[in-house]
Full PDB file with SEQRES, HELIX, SHEET, SSBOND, CRYST1, ORIGX, SCALE, CONECT and MASTER records, all heavy atoms in Angstrom:
SEQRES   1 A   37  ILE LEU VAL GLY GLY ASP GLY GLN LEU LEU LYS TYR PHE          
SEQRES   2 A   37  ASP SER GLU ALA PHE ALA PRO ALA LYS ALA LEU THR LYS          
SEQRES   3 A   37  LEU ALA GLY ILE ARG HIS MET LYS GLY LYS ALA                  
HELIX    1 AA1 ALA A   21  LEU A   24  5                                   4    
CRYST1    1.000    1.000    1.000  90.00  90.00  90.00 P 1           1          
ORIGX1      1.000000  0.000000  0.000000        0.00000                         
ORIGX2      0.000000  1.000000  0.000000        0.00000                         
ORIGX3      0.000000  0.000000  1.000000        0.00000                         
SCALE1      1.000000  0.000000  0.000000        0.00000                         
SCALE2      0.000000  1.000000  0.000000        0.00000                         
SCALE3      0.000000  0.000000  1.000000        0.00000                         
ATOM      1  N   ILE A   1      77.518  90.543  49.267  1.00  0.00           N  
ATOM      2  CA  ILE A   1      76.244  89.966  49.755  1.00  0.00           C  
ATOM      3  C   ILE A   1      75.198  91.044  49.771  1.00  0.00           C  
ATOM      4  O   ILE A   1      75.548  92.231  50.225  1.00  0.00           O  
ATOM      5  CB  ILE A   1      76.454  89.335  51.176  1.00  0.00           C  
ATOM      6  CG1 ILE A   1      77.559  88.316  51.162  1.00  0.00           C  
ATOM      7  CG2 ILE A   1      75.055  88.770  51.637  1.00  0.00           C  
ATOM      8  CD1 ILE A   1      77.340  87.088  50.314  1.00  0.00           C  
ATOM      9  N   LEU A   2      74.028  90.680  49.253  1.00  0.00           N  
ATOM     10  CA  LEU A   2      72.921  91.798  49.304  1.00  0.00           C  
ATOM     11  C   LEU A   2      72.511  91.934  50.746  1.00  0.00           C  
ATOM     12  O   LEU A   2      72.250  91.000  51.483  1.00  0.00           O  
ATOM     13  CB  LEU A   2      71.728  91.314  48.432  1.00  0.00           C  
ATOM     14  CG  LEU A   2      70.667  92.404  48.355  1.00  0.00           C  
ATOM     15  CD1 LEU A   2      70.976  93.402  47.323  1.00  0.00           C  
ATOM     16  CD2 LEU A   2      69.332  91.810  47.983  1.00  0.00           C  
ATOM     17  N   VAL A   3      72.427  93.215  51.215  1.00  0.00           N  
ATOM     18  CA  VAL A   3      71.971  93.567  52.533  1.00  0.00           C  
ATOM     19  C   VAL A   3      70.761  94.509  52.404  1.00  0.00           C  
ATOM     20  O   VAL A   3      70.712  95.189  51.372  1.00  0.00           O  
ATOM     21  CB  VAL A   3      73.053  94.160  53.386  1.00  0.00           C  
ATOM     22  CG1 VAL A   3      74.157  93.171  53.731  1.00  0.00           C  
ATOM     23  CG2 VAL A   3      73.630  95.444  52.827  1.00  0.00           C  
ATOM     24  N   GLY A   4      69.935  94.574  53.442  1.00  0.00           N  
ATOM     25  CA  GLY A   4      68.846  95.545  53.411  1.00  0.00           C  
ATOM     26  C   GLY A   4      67.726  95.222  52.487  1.00  0.00           C  
ATOM     27  O   GLY A   4      66.942  96.109  52.232  1.00  0.00           O  
ATOM     28  N   GLY A   5      67.570  94.018  52.058  1.00  0.00           N  
ATOM     29  CA  GLY A   5      66.444  93.689  51.209  1.00  0.00           C  
ATOM     30  C   GLY A   5      66.239  92.199  51.357  1.00  0.00           C  
ATOM     31  O   GLY A   5      67.056  91.408  51.698  1.00  0.00           O  
ATOM     32  N   ASP A   6      64.976  91.769  50.995  1.00  0.00           N  
ATOM     33  CA  ASP A   6      64.610  90.336  50.978  1.00  0.00           C  
ATOM     34  C   ASP A   6      64.952  89.588  52.236  1.00  0.00           C  
ATOM     35  O   ASP A   6      65.360  88.466  52.196  1.00  0.00           O  
ATOM     36  CB  ASP A   6      65.225  89.644  49.796  1.00  0.00           C  
ATOM     37  CG  ASP A   6      64.413  88.491  49.295  1.00  0.00           C  
ATOM     38  OD1 ASP A   6      63.203  88.560  49.304  1.00  0.00           O  
ATOM     39  OD2 ASP A   6      64.941  87.405  48.994  1.00  0.00           O  
ATOM     40  N   GLY A   7      64.776  90.296  53.365  1.00  0.00           N  
ATOM     41  CA  GLY A   7      65.002  89.629  54.690  1.00  0.00           C  
ATOM     42  C   GLY A   7      66.429  89.483  55.034  1.00  0.00           C  
ATOM     43  O   GLY A   7      66.814  88.778  56.144  1.00  0.00           O  
ATOM     44  N   GLN A   8      67.428  90.158  54.399  1.00  0.00           N  
ATOM     45  CA  GLN A   8      68.772  89.964  54.682  1.00  0.00           C  
ATOM     46  C   GLN A   8      69.370  91.206  55.436  1.00  0.00           C  
ATOM     47  O   GLN A   8      69.441  92.235  54.877  1.00  0.00           O  
ATOM     48  CB  GLN A   8      69.613  89.691  53.416  1.00  0.00           C  
ATOM     49  CG  GLN A   8      69.243  88.389  52.789  1.00  0.00           C  
ATOM     50  CD  GLN A   8      70.081  88.010  51.627  1.00  0.00           C  
ATOM     51  OE1 GLN A   8      69.768  86.988  51.046  1.00  0.00           O  
ATOM     52  NE2 GLN A   8      71.122  88.707  51.222  1.00  0.00           N  
ATOM     53  N   LEU A   9      69.627  91.026  56.720  1.00  0.00           N  
ATOM     54  CA  LEU A   9      70.295  92.018  57.609  1.00  0.00           C  
ATOM     55  C   LEU A   9      69.456  93.272  57.635  1.00  0.00           C  
ATOM     56  O   LEU A   9      69.987  94.452  57.682  1.00  0.00           O  
ATOM     57  CB  LEU A   9      71.726  92.300  57.145  1.00  0.00           C  
ATOM     58  CG  LEU A   9      72.631  91.052  57.359  1.00  0.00           C  
ATOM     59  CD1 LEU A   9      74.126  91.459  56.969  1.00  0.00           C  
ATOM     60  CD2 LEU A   9      72.639  90.501  58.863  1.00  0.00           C  
ATOM     61  N   LEU A  10      68.149  93.090  57.662  1.00  0.00           N  
ATOM     62  CA  LEU A  10      67.262  94.296  57.666  1.00  0.00           C  
ATOM     63  C   LEU A  10      67.373  95.162  58.900  1.00  0.00           C  
ATOM     64  O   LEU A  10      67.097  96.317  58.906  1.00  0.00           O  
ATOM     65  CB  LEU A  10      65.787  93.869  57.585  1.00  0.00           C  
ATOM     66  CG  LEU A  10      65.398  93.218  56.286  1.00  0.00           C  
ATOM     67  CD1 LEU A  10      64.085  92.633  56.253  1.00  0.00           C  
ATOM     68  CD2 LEU A  10      65.726  94.110  55.023  1.00  0.00           C  
ATOM     69  N   LYS A  11      67.904  94.631  60.041  1.00  0.00           N  
ATOM     70  CA  LYS A  11      67.966  95.474  61.226  1.00  0.00           C  
ATOM     71  C   LYS A  11      69.161  96.367  61.185  1.00  0.00           C  
ATOM     72  O   LYS A  11      69.337  97.333  61.936  1.00  0.00           O  
ATOM     73  CB  LYS A  11      67.976  94.579  62.541  1.00  0.00           C  
ATOM     74  CG  LYS A  11      69.282  93.888  62.792  1.00  0.00           C  
ATOM     75  CD  LYS A  11      69.036  93.118  64.113  1.00  0.00           C  
ATOM     76  CE  LYS A  11      70.380  92.620  64.656  1.00  0.00           C  
ATOM     77  NZ  LYS A  11      70.124  91.987  65.899  1.00  0.00           N  
ATOM     78  N   TYR A  12      70.046  96.172  60.236  1.00  0.00           N  
ATOM     79  CA  TYR A  12      71.258  97.065  60.051  1.00  0.00           C  
ATOM     80  C   TYR A  12      71.164  97.920  58.816  1.00  0.00           C  
ATOM     81  O   TYR A  12      71.825  99.007  58.794  1.00  0.00           O  
ATOM     82  CB  TYR A  12      72.509  96.115  59.966  1.00  0.00           C  
ATOM     83  CG  TYR A  12      72.770  95.354  61.158  1.00  0.00           C  
ATOM     84  CD1 TYR A  12      72.567  93.886  61.073  1.00  0.00           C  
ATOM     85  CD2 TYR A  12      73.249  95.904  62.393  1.00  0.00           C  
ATOM     86  CE1 TYR A  12      72.796  93.169  62.279  1.00  0.00           C  
ATOM     87  CE2 TYR A  12      73.509  95.093  63.424  1.00  0.00           C  
ATOM     88  CZ  TYR A  12      73.327  93.762  63.464  1.00  0.00           C  
ATOM     89  OH  TYR A  12      73.491  92.985  64.477  1.00  0.00           O  
ATOM     90  N   PHE A  13      70.422  97.521  57.854  1.00  0.00           N  
ATOM     91  CA  PHE A  13      70.423  98.320  56.544  1.00  0.00           C  
ATOM     92  C   PHE A  13      68.972  98.517  56.165  1.00  0.00           C  
ATOM     93  O   PHE A  13      68.132  97.495  56.121  1.00  0.00           O  
ATOM     94  CB  PHE A  13      71.173  97.460  55.470  1.00  0.00           C  
ATOM     95  CG  PHE A  13      72.602  97.206  55.784  1.00  0.00           C  
ATOM     96  CD1 PHE A  13      72.964  96.062  56.486  1.00  0.00           C  
ATOM     97  CD2 PHE A  13      73.625  98.150  55.457  1.00  0.00           C  
ATOM     98  CE1 PHE A  13      74.271  95.823  56.811  1.00  0.00           C  
ATOM     99  CE2 PHE A  13      74.877  97.907  55.800  1.00  0.00           C  
ATOM    100  CZ  PHE A  13      75.317  96.680  56.471  1.00  0.00           C  
ATOM    101  N   ASP A  14      68.643  99.767  55.787  1.00  0.00           N  
ATOM    102  CA  ASP A  14      67.292 100.014  55.523  1.00  0.00           C  
ATOM    103  C   ASP A  14      67.023 100.157  53.926  1.00  0.00           C  
ATOM    104  O   ASP A  14      65.951 100.386  53.512  1.00  0.00           O  
ATOM    105  CB  ASP A  14      66.775 101.265  56.144  1.00  0.00           C  
ATOM    106  CG  ASP A  14      67.705 102.484  55.877  1.00  0.00           C  
ATOM    107  OD1 ASP A  14      68.610 102.388  55.106  1.00  0.00           O  
ATOM    108  OD2 ASP A  14      67.462 103.493  56.625  1.00  0.00           O  
ATOM    109  N   SER A  15      68.078  99.933  53.128  1.00  0.00           N  
ATOM    110  CA  SER A  15      67.830  99.900  51.699  1.00  0.00           C  
ATOM    111  C   SER A  15      68.887  98.819  51.116  1.00  0.00           C  
ATOM    112  O   SER A  15      69.892  98.648  51.702  1.00  0.00           O  
ATOM    113  CB  SER A  15      68.122 101.362  51.090  1.00  0.00           C  
ATOM    114  OG  SER A  15      69.351 101.783  51.276  1.00  0.00           O  
ATOM    115  N   GLU A  16      68.410  98.338  49.953  1.00  0.00           N  
ATOM    116  CA  GLU A  16      69.259  97.353  49.311  1.00  0.00           C  
ATOM    117  C   GLU A  16      70.579  97.896  48.831  1.00  0.00           C  
ATOM    118  O   GLU A  16      70.720  98.931  48.213  1.00  0.00           O  
ATOM    119  CB  GLU A  16      68.584  96.709  48.097  1.00  0.00           C  
ATOM    120  CG  GLU A  16      67.405  95.800  48.489  1.00  0.00           C  
ATOM    121  CD  GLU A  16      66.912  95.109  47.276  1.00  0.00           C  
ATOM    122  OE1 GLU A  16      67.415  95.220  46.139  1.00  0.00           O  
ATOM    123  OE2 GLU A  16      65.860  94.349  47.478  1.00  0.00           O  
ATOM    124  N   ALA A  17      71.685  97.132  49.102  1.00  0.00           N  
ATOM    125  CA  ALA A  17      73.040  97.399  48.662  1.00  0.00           C  
ATOM    126  C   ALA A  17      73.831  96.116  48.759  1.00  0.00           C  
ATOM    127  O   ALA A  17      73.416  95.116  49.327  1.00  0.00           O  
ATOM    128  CB  ALA A  17      73.723  98.476  49.612  1.00  0.00           C  
ATOM    129  N   PHE A  18      75.018  96.167  48.149  1.00  0.00           N  
ATOM    130  CA  PHE A  18      75.997  95.098  48.255  1.00  0.00           C  
ATOM    131  C   PHE A  18      77.015  95.380  49.202  1.00  0.00           C  
ATOM    132  O   PHE A  18      77.576  96.423  49.216  1.00  0.00           O  
ATOM    133  CB  PHE A  18      76.585  94.786  46.882  1.00  0.00           C  
ATOM    134  CG  PHE A  18      75.786  94.007  45.909  1.00  0.00           C  
ATOM    135  CD1 PHE A  18      75.593  94.455  44.616  1.00  0.00           C  
ATOM    136  CD2 PHE A  18      75.218  92.806  46.302  1.00  0.00           C  
ATOM    137  CE1 PHE A  18      74.868  93.789  43.725  1.00  0.00           C  
ATOM    138  CE2 PHE A  18      74.473  92.028  45.341  1.00  0.00           C  
ATOM    139  CZ  PHE A  18      74.300  92.523  44.108  1.00  0.00           C  
ATOM    140  N   ALA A  19      77.333  94.407  50.116  1.00  0.00           N  
ATOM    141  CA  ALA A  19      78.340  94.610  51.142  1.00  0.00           C  
ATOM    142  C   ALA A  19      79.408  93.522  50.944  1.00  0.00           C  
ATOM    143  O   ALA A  19      79.012  92.307  50.808  1.00  0.00           O  
ATOM    144  CB  ALA A  19      77.671  94.452  52.539  1.00  0.00           C  
ATOM    145  N   PRO A  20      80.687  93.875  51.045  1.00  0.00           N  
ATOM    146  CA  PRO A  20      81.792  92.828  50.967  1.00  0.00           C  
ATOM    147  C   PRO A  20      81.633  91.922  52.197  1.00  0.00           C  
ATOM    148  O   PRO A  20      81.418  92.429  53.310  1.00  0.00           O  
ATOM    149  CB  PRO A  20      83.002  93.588  51.045  1.00  0.00           C  
ATOM    150  CG  PRO A  20      82.721  95.083  50.694  1.00  0.00           C  
ATOM    151  CD  PRO A  20      81.236  95.222  51.170  1.00  0.00           C  
ATOM    152  N   ALA A  21      81.704  90.633  51.912  1.00  0.00           N  
ATOM    153  CA  ALA A  21      81.616  89.670  52.960  1.00  0.00           C  
ATOM    154  C   ALA A  21      82.526  89.958  54.186  1.00  0.00           C  
ATOM    155  O   ALA A  21      82.053  89.846  55.387  1.00  0.00           O  
ATOM    156  CB  ALA A  21      81.829  88.236  52.462  1.00  0.00           C  
ATOM    157  N   LYS A  22      83.750  90.434  53.950  1.00  0.00           N  
ATOM    158  CA  LYS A  22      84.668  90.606  55.026  1.00  0.00           C  
ATOM    159  C   LYS A  22      84.231  91.809  55.897  1.00  0.00           C  
ATOM    160  O   LYS A  22      84.653  91.906  57.139  1.00  0.00           O  
ATOM    161  CB  LYS A  22      86.097  90.770  54.571  1.00  0.00           C  
ATOM    162  CG  LYS A  22      86.318  92.173  53.781  1.00  0.00           C  
ATOM    163  CD  LYS A  22      87.765  92.243  53.367  1.00  0.00           C  
ATOM    164  CE  LYS A  22      88.114  93.503  52.634  1.00  0.00           C  
ATOM    165  NZ  LYS A  22      89.576  93.497  52.256  1.00  0.00           N  
ATOM    166  N   ALA A  23      83.348  92.709  55.471  1.00  0.00           N  
ATOM    167  CA  ALA A  23      82.844  93.791  56.316  1.00  0.00           C  
ATOM    168  C   ALA A  23      81.771  93.223  57.314  1.00  0.00           C  
ATOM    169  O   ALA A  23      81.395  94.003  58.161  1.00  0.00           O  
ATOM    170  CB  ALA A  23      82.266  94.851  55.418  1.00  0.00           C  
ATOM    171  N   LEU A  24      81.292  92.019  57.081  1.00  0.00           N  
ATOM    172  CA  LEU A  24      80.178  91.543  57.919  1.00  0.00           C  
ATOM    173  C   LEU A  24      80.684  90.577  59.034  1.00  0.00           C  
ATOM    174  O   LEU A  24      79.910  90.066  59.731  1.00  0.00           O  
ATOM    175  CB  LEU A  24      79.222  90.773  57.047  1.00  0.00           C  
ATOM    176  CG  LEU A  24      78.579  91.615  55.828  1.00  0.00           C  
ATOM    177  CD1 LEU A  24      77.745  90.643  54.912  1.00  0.00           C  
ATOM    178  CD2 LEU A  24      77.778  92.764  56.318  1.00  0.00           C  
ATOM    179  N   THR A  25      82.017  90.393  59.123  1.00  0.00           N  
ATOM    180  CA  THR A  25      82.535  89.387  60.105  1.00  0.00           C  
ATOM    181  C   THR A  25      82.458  89.710  61.563  1.00  0.00           C  
ATOM    182  O   THR A  25      82.703  88.791  62.335  1.00  0.00           O  
ATOM    183  CB  THR A  25      84.039  89.113  59.671  1.00  0.00           C  
ATOM    184  OG1 THR A  25      84.789  90.336  59.761  1.00  0.00           O  
ATOM    185  CG2 THR A  25      84.160  88.368  58.329  1.00  0.00           C  
ATOM    186  N   LYS A  26      81.998  90.884  61.881  1.00  0.00           N  
ATOM    187  CA  LYS A  26      81.758  91.146  63.361  1.00  0.00           C  
ATOM    188  C   LYS A  26      80.354  90.674  63.783  1.00  0.00           C  
ATOM    189  O   LYS A  26      79.956  90.734  64.894  1.00  0.00           O  
ATOM    190  CB  LYS A  26      81.928  92.587  63.550  1.00  0.00           C  
ATOM    191  CG  LYS A  26      83.367  93.004  63.477  1.00  0.00           C  
ATOM    192  CD  LYS A  26      83.690  94.411  64.028  1.00  0.00           C  
ATOM    193  CE  LYS A  26      85.149  94.552  64.284  1.00  0.00           C  
ATOM    194  NZ  LYS A  26      85.860  95.103  63.249  1.00  0.00           N  
ATOM    195  N   LEU A  27      79.512  90.246  62.643  1.00  0.00           N  
ATOM    196  CA  LEU A  27      78.202  89.809  63.071  1.00  0.00           C  
ATOM    197  C   LEU A  27      78.222  88.356  63.486  1.00  0.00           C  
ATOM    198  O   LEU A  27      79.038  87.551  62.954  1.00  0.00           O  
ATOM    199  CB  LEU A  27      77.287  90.073  61.856  1.00  0.00           C  
ATOM    200  CG  LEU A  27      77.066  91.458  61.410  1.00  0.00           C  
ATOM    201  CD1 LEU A  27      76.278  91.519  60.077  1.00  0.00           C  
ATOM    202  CD2 LEU A  27      76.397  92.283  62.569  1.00  0.00           C  
ATOM    203  N   ALA A  28      77.257  87.939  64.295  1.00  0.00           N  
ATOM    204  CA  ALA A  28      77.179  86.541  64.763  1.00  0.00           C  
ATOM    205  C   ALA A  28      76.936  85.606  63.490  1.00  0.00           C  
ATOM    206  O   ALA A  28      76.142  85.936  62.631  1.00  0.00           O  
ATOM    207  CB  ALA A  28      75.975  86.397  65.702  1.00  0.00           C  
ATOM    208  N   GLY A  29      77.694  84.580  63.516  1.00  0.00           N  
ATOM    209  CA  GLY A  29      77.490  83.614  62.406  1.00  0.00           C  
ATOM    210  C   GLY A  29      78.262  83.895  61.123  1.00  0.00           C  
ATOM    211  O   GLY A  29      78.155  83.166  60.135  1.00  0.00           O  
ATOM    212  N   ILE A  30      79.039  84.906  61.152  1.00  0.00           N  
ATOM    213  CA  ILE A  30      79.913  85.245  59.987  1.00  0.00           C  
ATOM    214  C   ILE A  30      81.338  85.491  60.410  1.00  0.00           C  
ATOM    215  O   ILE A  30      81.559  86.233  61.265  1.00  0.00           O  
ATOM    216  CB  ILE A  30      79.388  86.548  59.292  1.00  0.00           C  
ATOM    217  CG1 ILE A  30      77.846  86.433  58.947  1.00  0.00           C  
ATOM    218  CG2 ILE A  30      80.222  86.814  58.032  1.00  0.00           C  
ATOM    219  CD1 ILE A  30      77.266  87.615  58.373  1.00  0.00           C  
ATOM    220  N   ARG A  31      82.279  84.721  59.840  1.00  0.00           N  
ATOM    221  CA  ARG A  31      83.672  84.787  60.290  1.00  0.00           C  
ATOM    222  C   ARG A  31      84.626  84.394  59.145  1.00  0.00           C  
ATOM    223  O   ARG A  31      84.233  83.736  58.117  1.00  0.00           O  
ATOM    224  CB  ARG A  31      83.911  83.861  61.470  1.00  0.00           C  
ATOM    225  CG  ARG A  31      83.708  82.373  61.102  1.00  0.00           C  
ATOM    226  CD  ARG A  31      84.095  81.406  62.296  1.00  0.00           C  
ATOM    227  NE  ARG A  31      83.731  80.127  62.067  1.00  0.00           N  
ATOM    228  CZ  ARG A  31      84.554  79.269  61.349  1.00  0.00           C  
ATOM    229  NH1 ARG A  31      85.780  79.708  60.877  1.00  0.00           N  
ATOM    230  NH2 ARG A  31      84.278  78.028  61.129  1.00  0.00           N  
ATOM    231  N   HIS A  32      85.871  84.793  59.271  1.00  0.00           N  
ATOM    232  CA  HIS A  32      86.935  84.406  58.380  1.00  0.00           C  
ATOM    233  C   HIS A  32      87.367  82.999  58.757  1.00  0.00           C  
ATOM    234  O   HIS A  32      87.361  82.596  59.939  1.00  0.00           O  
ATOM    235  CB  HIS A  32      88.169  85.324  58.570  1.00  0.00           C  
ATOM    236  CG  HIS A  32      88.026  86.673  57.878  1.00  0.00           C  
ATOM    237  ND1 HIS A  32      88.152  86.836  56.517  1.00  0.00           N  
ATOM    238  CD2 HIS A  32      87.843  87.880  58.476  1.00  0.00           C  
ATOM    239  CE1 HIS A  32      87.949  88.133  56.337  1.00  0.00           C  
ATOM    240  NE2 HIS A  32      87.753  88.766  57.385  1.00  0.00           N  
ATOM    241  N   MET A  33      87.593  82.162  57.766  1.00  0.00           N  
ATOM    242  CA  MET A  33      88.037  80.792  57.999  1.00  0.00           C  
ATOM    243  C   MET A  33      89.591  80.828  58.138  1.00  0.00           C  
ATOM    244  O   MET A  33      90.295  80.530  57.186  1.00  0.00           O  
ATOM    245  CB  MET A  33      87.551  79.916  56.804  1.00  0.00           C  
ATOM    246  CG  MET A  33      85.972  79.992  56.736  1.00  0.00           C  
ATOM    247  SD  MET A  33      85.470  78.968  55.365  1.00  0.00           S  
ATOM    248  CE  MET A  33      85.711  77.302  56.012  1.00  0.00           C  
ATOM    249  N   LYS A  34      90.073  81.096  59.297  1.00  0.00           N  
ATOM    250  CA  LYS A  34      91.499  81.240  59.525  1.00  0.00           C  
ATOM    251  C   LYS A  34      92.340  79.994  59.309  1.00  0.00           C  
ATOM    252  O   LYS A  34      93.511  80.090  58.900  1.00  0.00           O  
ATOM    253  CB  LYS A  34      91.751  81.753  60.911  1.00  0.00           C  
ATOM    254  CG  LYS A  34      91.106  83.162  61.203  1.00  0.00           C  
ATOM    255  CD  LYS A  34      91.210  83.508  62.645  1.00  0.00           C  
ATOM    256  CE  LYS A  34      90.443  84.742  62.927  1.00  0.00           C  
ATOM    257  NZ  LYS A  34      90.258  85.092  64.271  1.00  0.00           N  
ATOM    258  N   GLY A  35      91.724  78.861  59.447  1.00  0.00           N  
ATOM    259  CA  GLY A  35      92.493  77.592  59.314  1.00  0.00           C  
ATOM    260  C   GLY A  35      92.558  77.034  57.957  1.00  0.00           C  
ATOM    261  O   GLY A  35      93.250  75.965  57.738  1.00  0.00           O  
ATOM    262  N   LYS A  36      91.952  77.664  56.965  1.00  0.00           N  
ATOM    263  CA  LYS A  36      91.999  77.218  55.555  1.00  0.00           C  
ATOM    264  C   LYS A  36      93.464  77.367  55.006  1.00  0.00           C  
ATOM    265  O   LYS A  36      94.003  78.335  55.042  1.00  0.00           O  
ATOM    266  CB  LYS A  36      91.023  77.970  54.684  1.00  0.00           C  
ATOM    267  CG  LYS A  36      89.610  77.461  54.807  1.00  0.00           C  
ATOM    268  CD  LYS A  36      89.535  76.153  54.146  1.00  0.00           C  
ATOM    269  CE  LYS A  36      88.261  75.851  53.496  1.00  0.00           C  
ATOM    270  NZ  LYS A  36      88.167  74.422  53.108  1.00  0.00           N  
ATOM    271  N   ALA A  37      93.905  76.192  54.397  1.00  0.00           N  
ATOM    272  CA  ALA A  37      95.215  76.232  53.790  1.00  0.00           C  
ATOM    273  C   ALA A  37      95.195  76.478  52.288  1.00  0.00           C  
ATOM    274  O   ALA A  37      96.074  77.021  51.714  1.00  0.00           O  
ATOM    275  CB  ALA A  37      95.947  74.894  54.075  1.00  0.00           C  
TER     276      ALA A  37                                                      
MASTER        0    0    0    1    0    0    0    6  275    1    0    3          
END                                                                             
C-alpha cells in the first residue's frame, strides 16, 4: 500500500513508499482476517 503520499498515513511517513499490508496491522482499522477459510 502506498504510504506517505496523497493523504495516506501521512502522520507516520514523510515520503512516498510502498508498505506491505501485514506491516500496518497494528494501526486502527487494519487487521488480519483470522476467520477466513
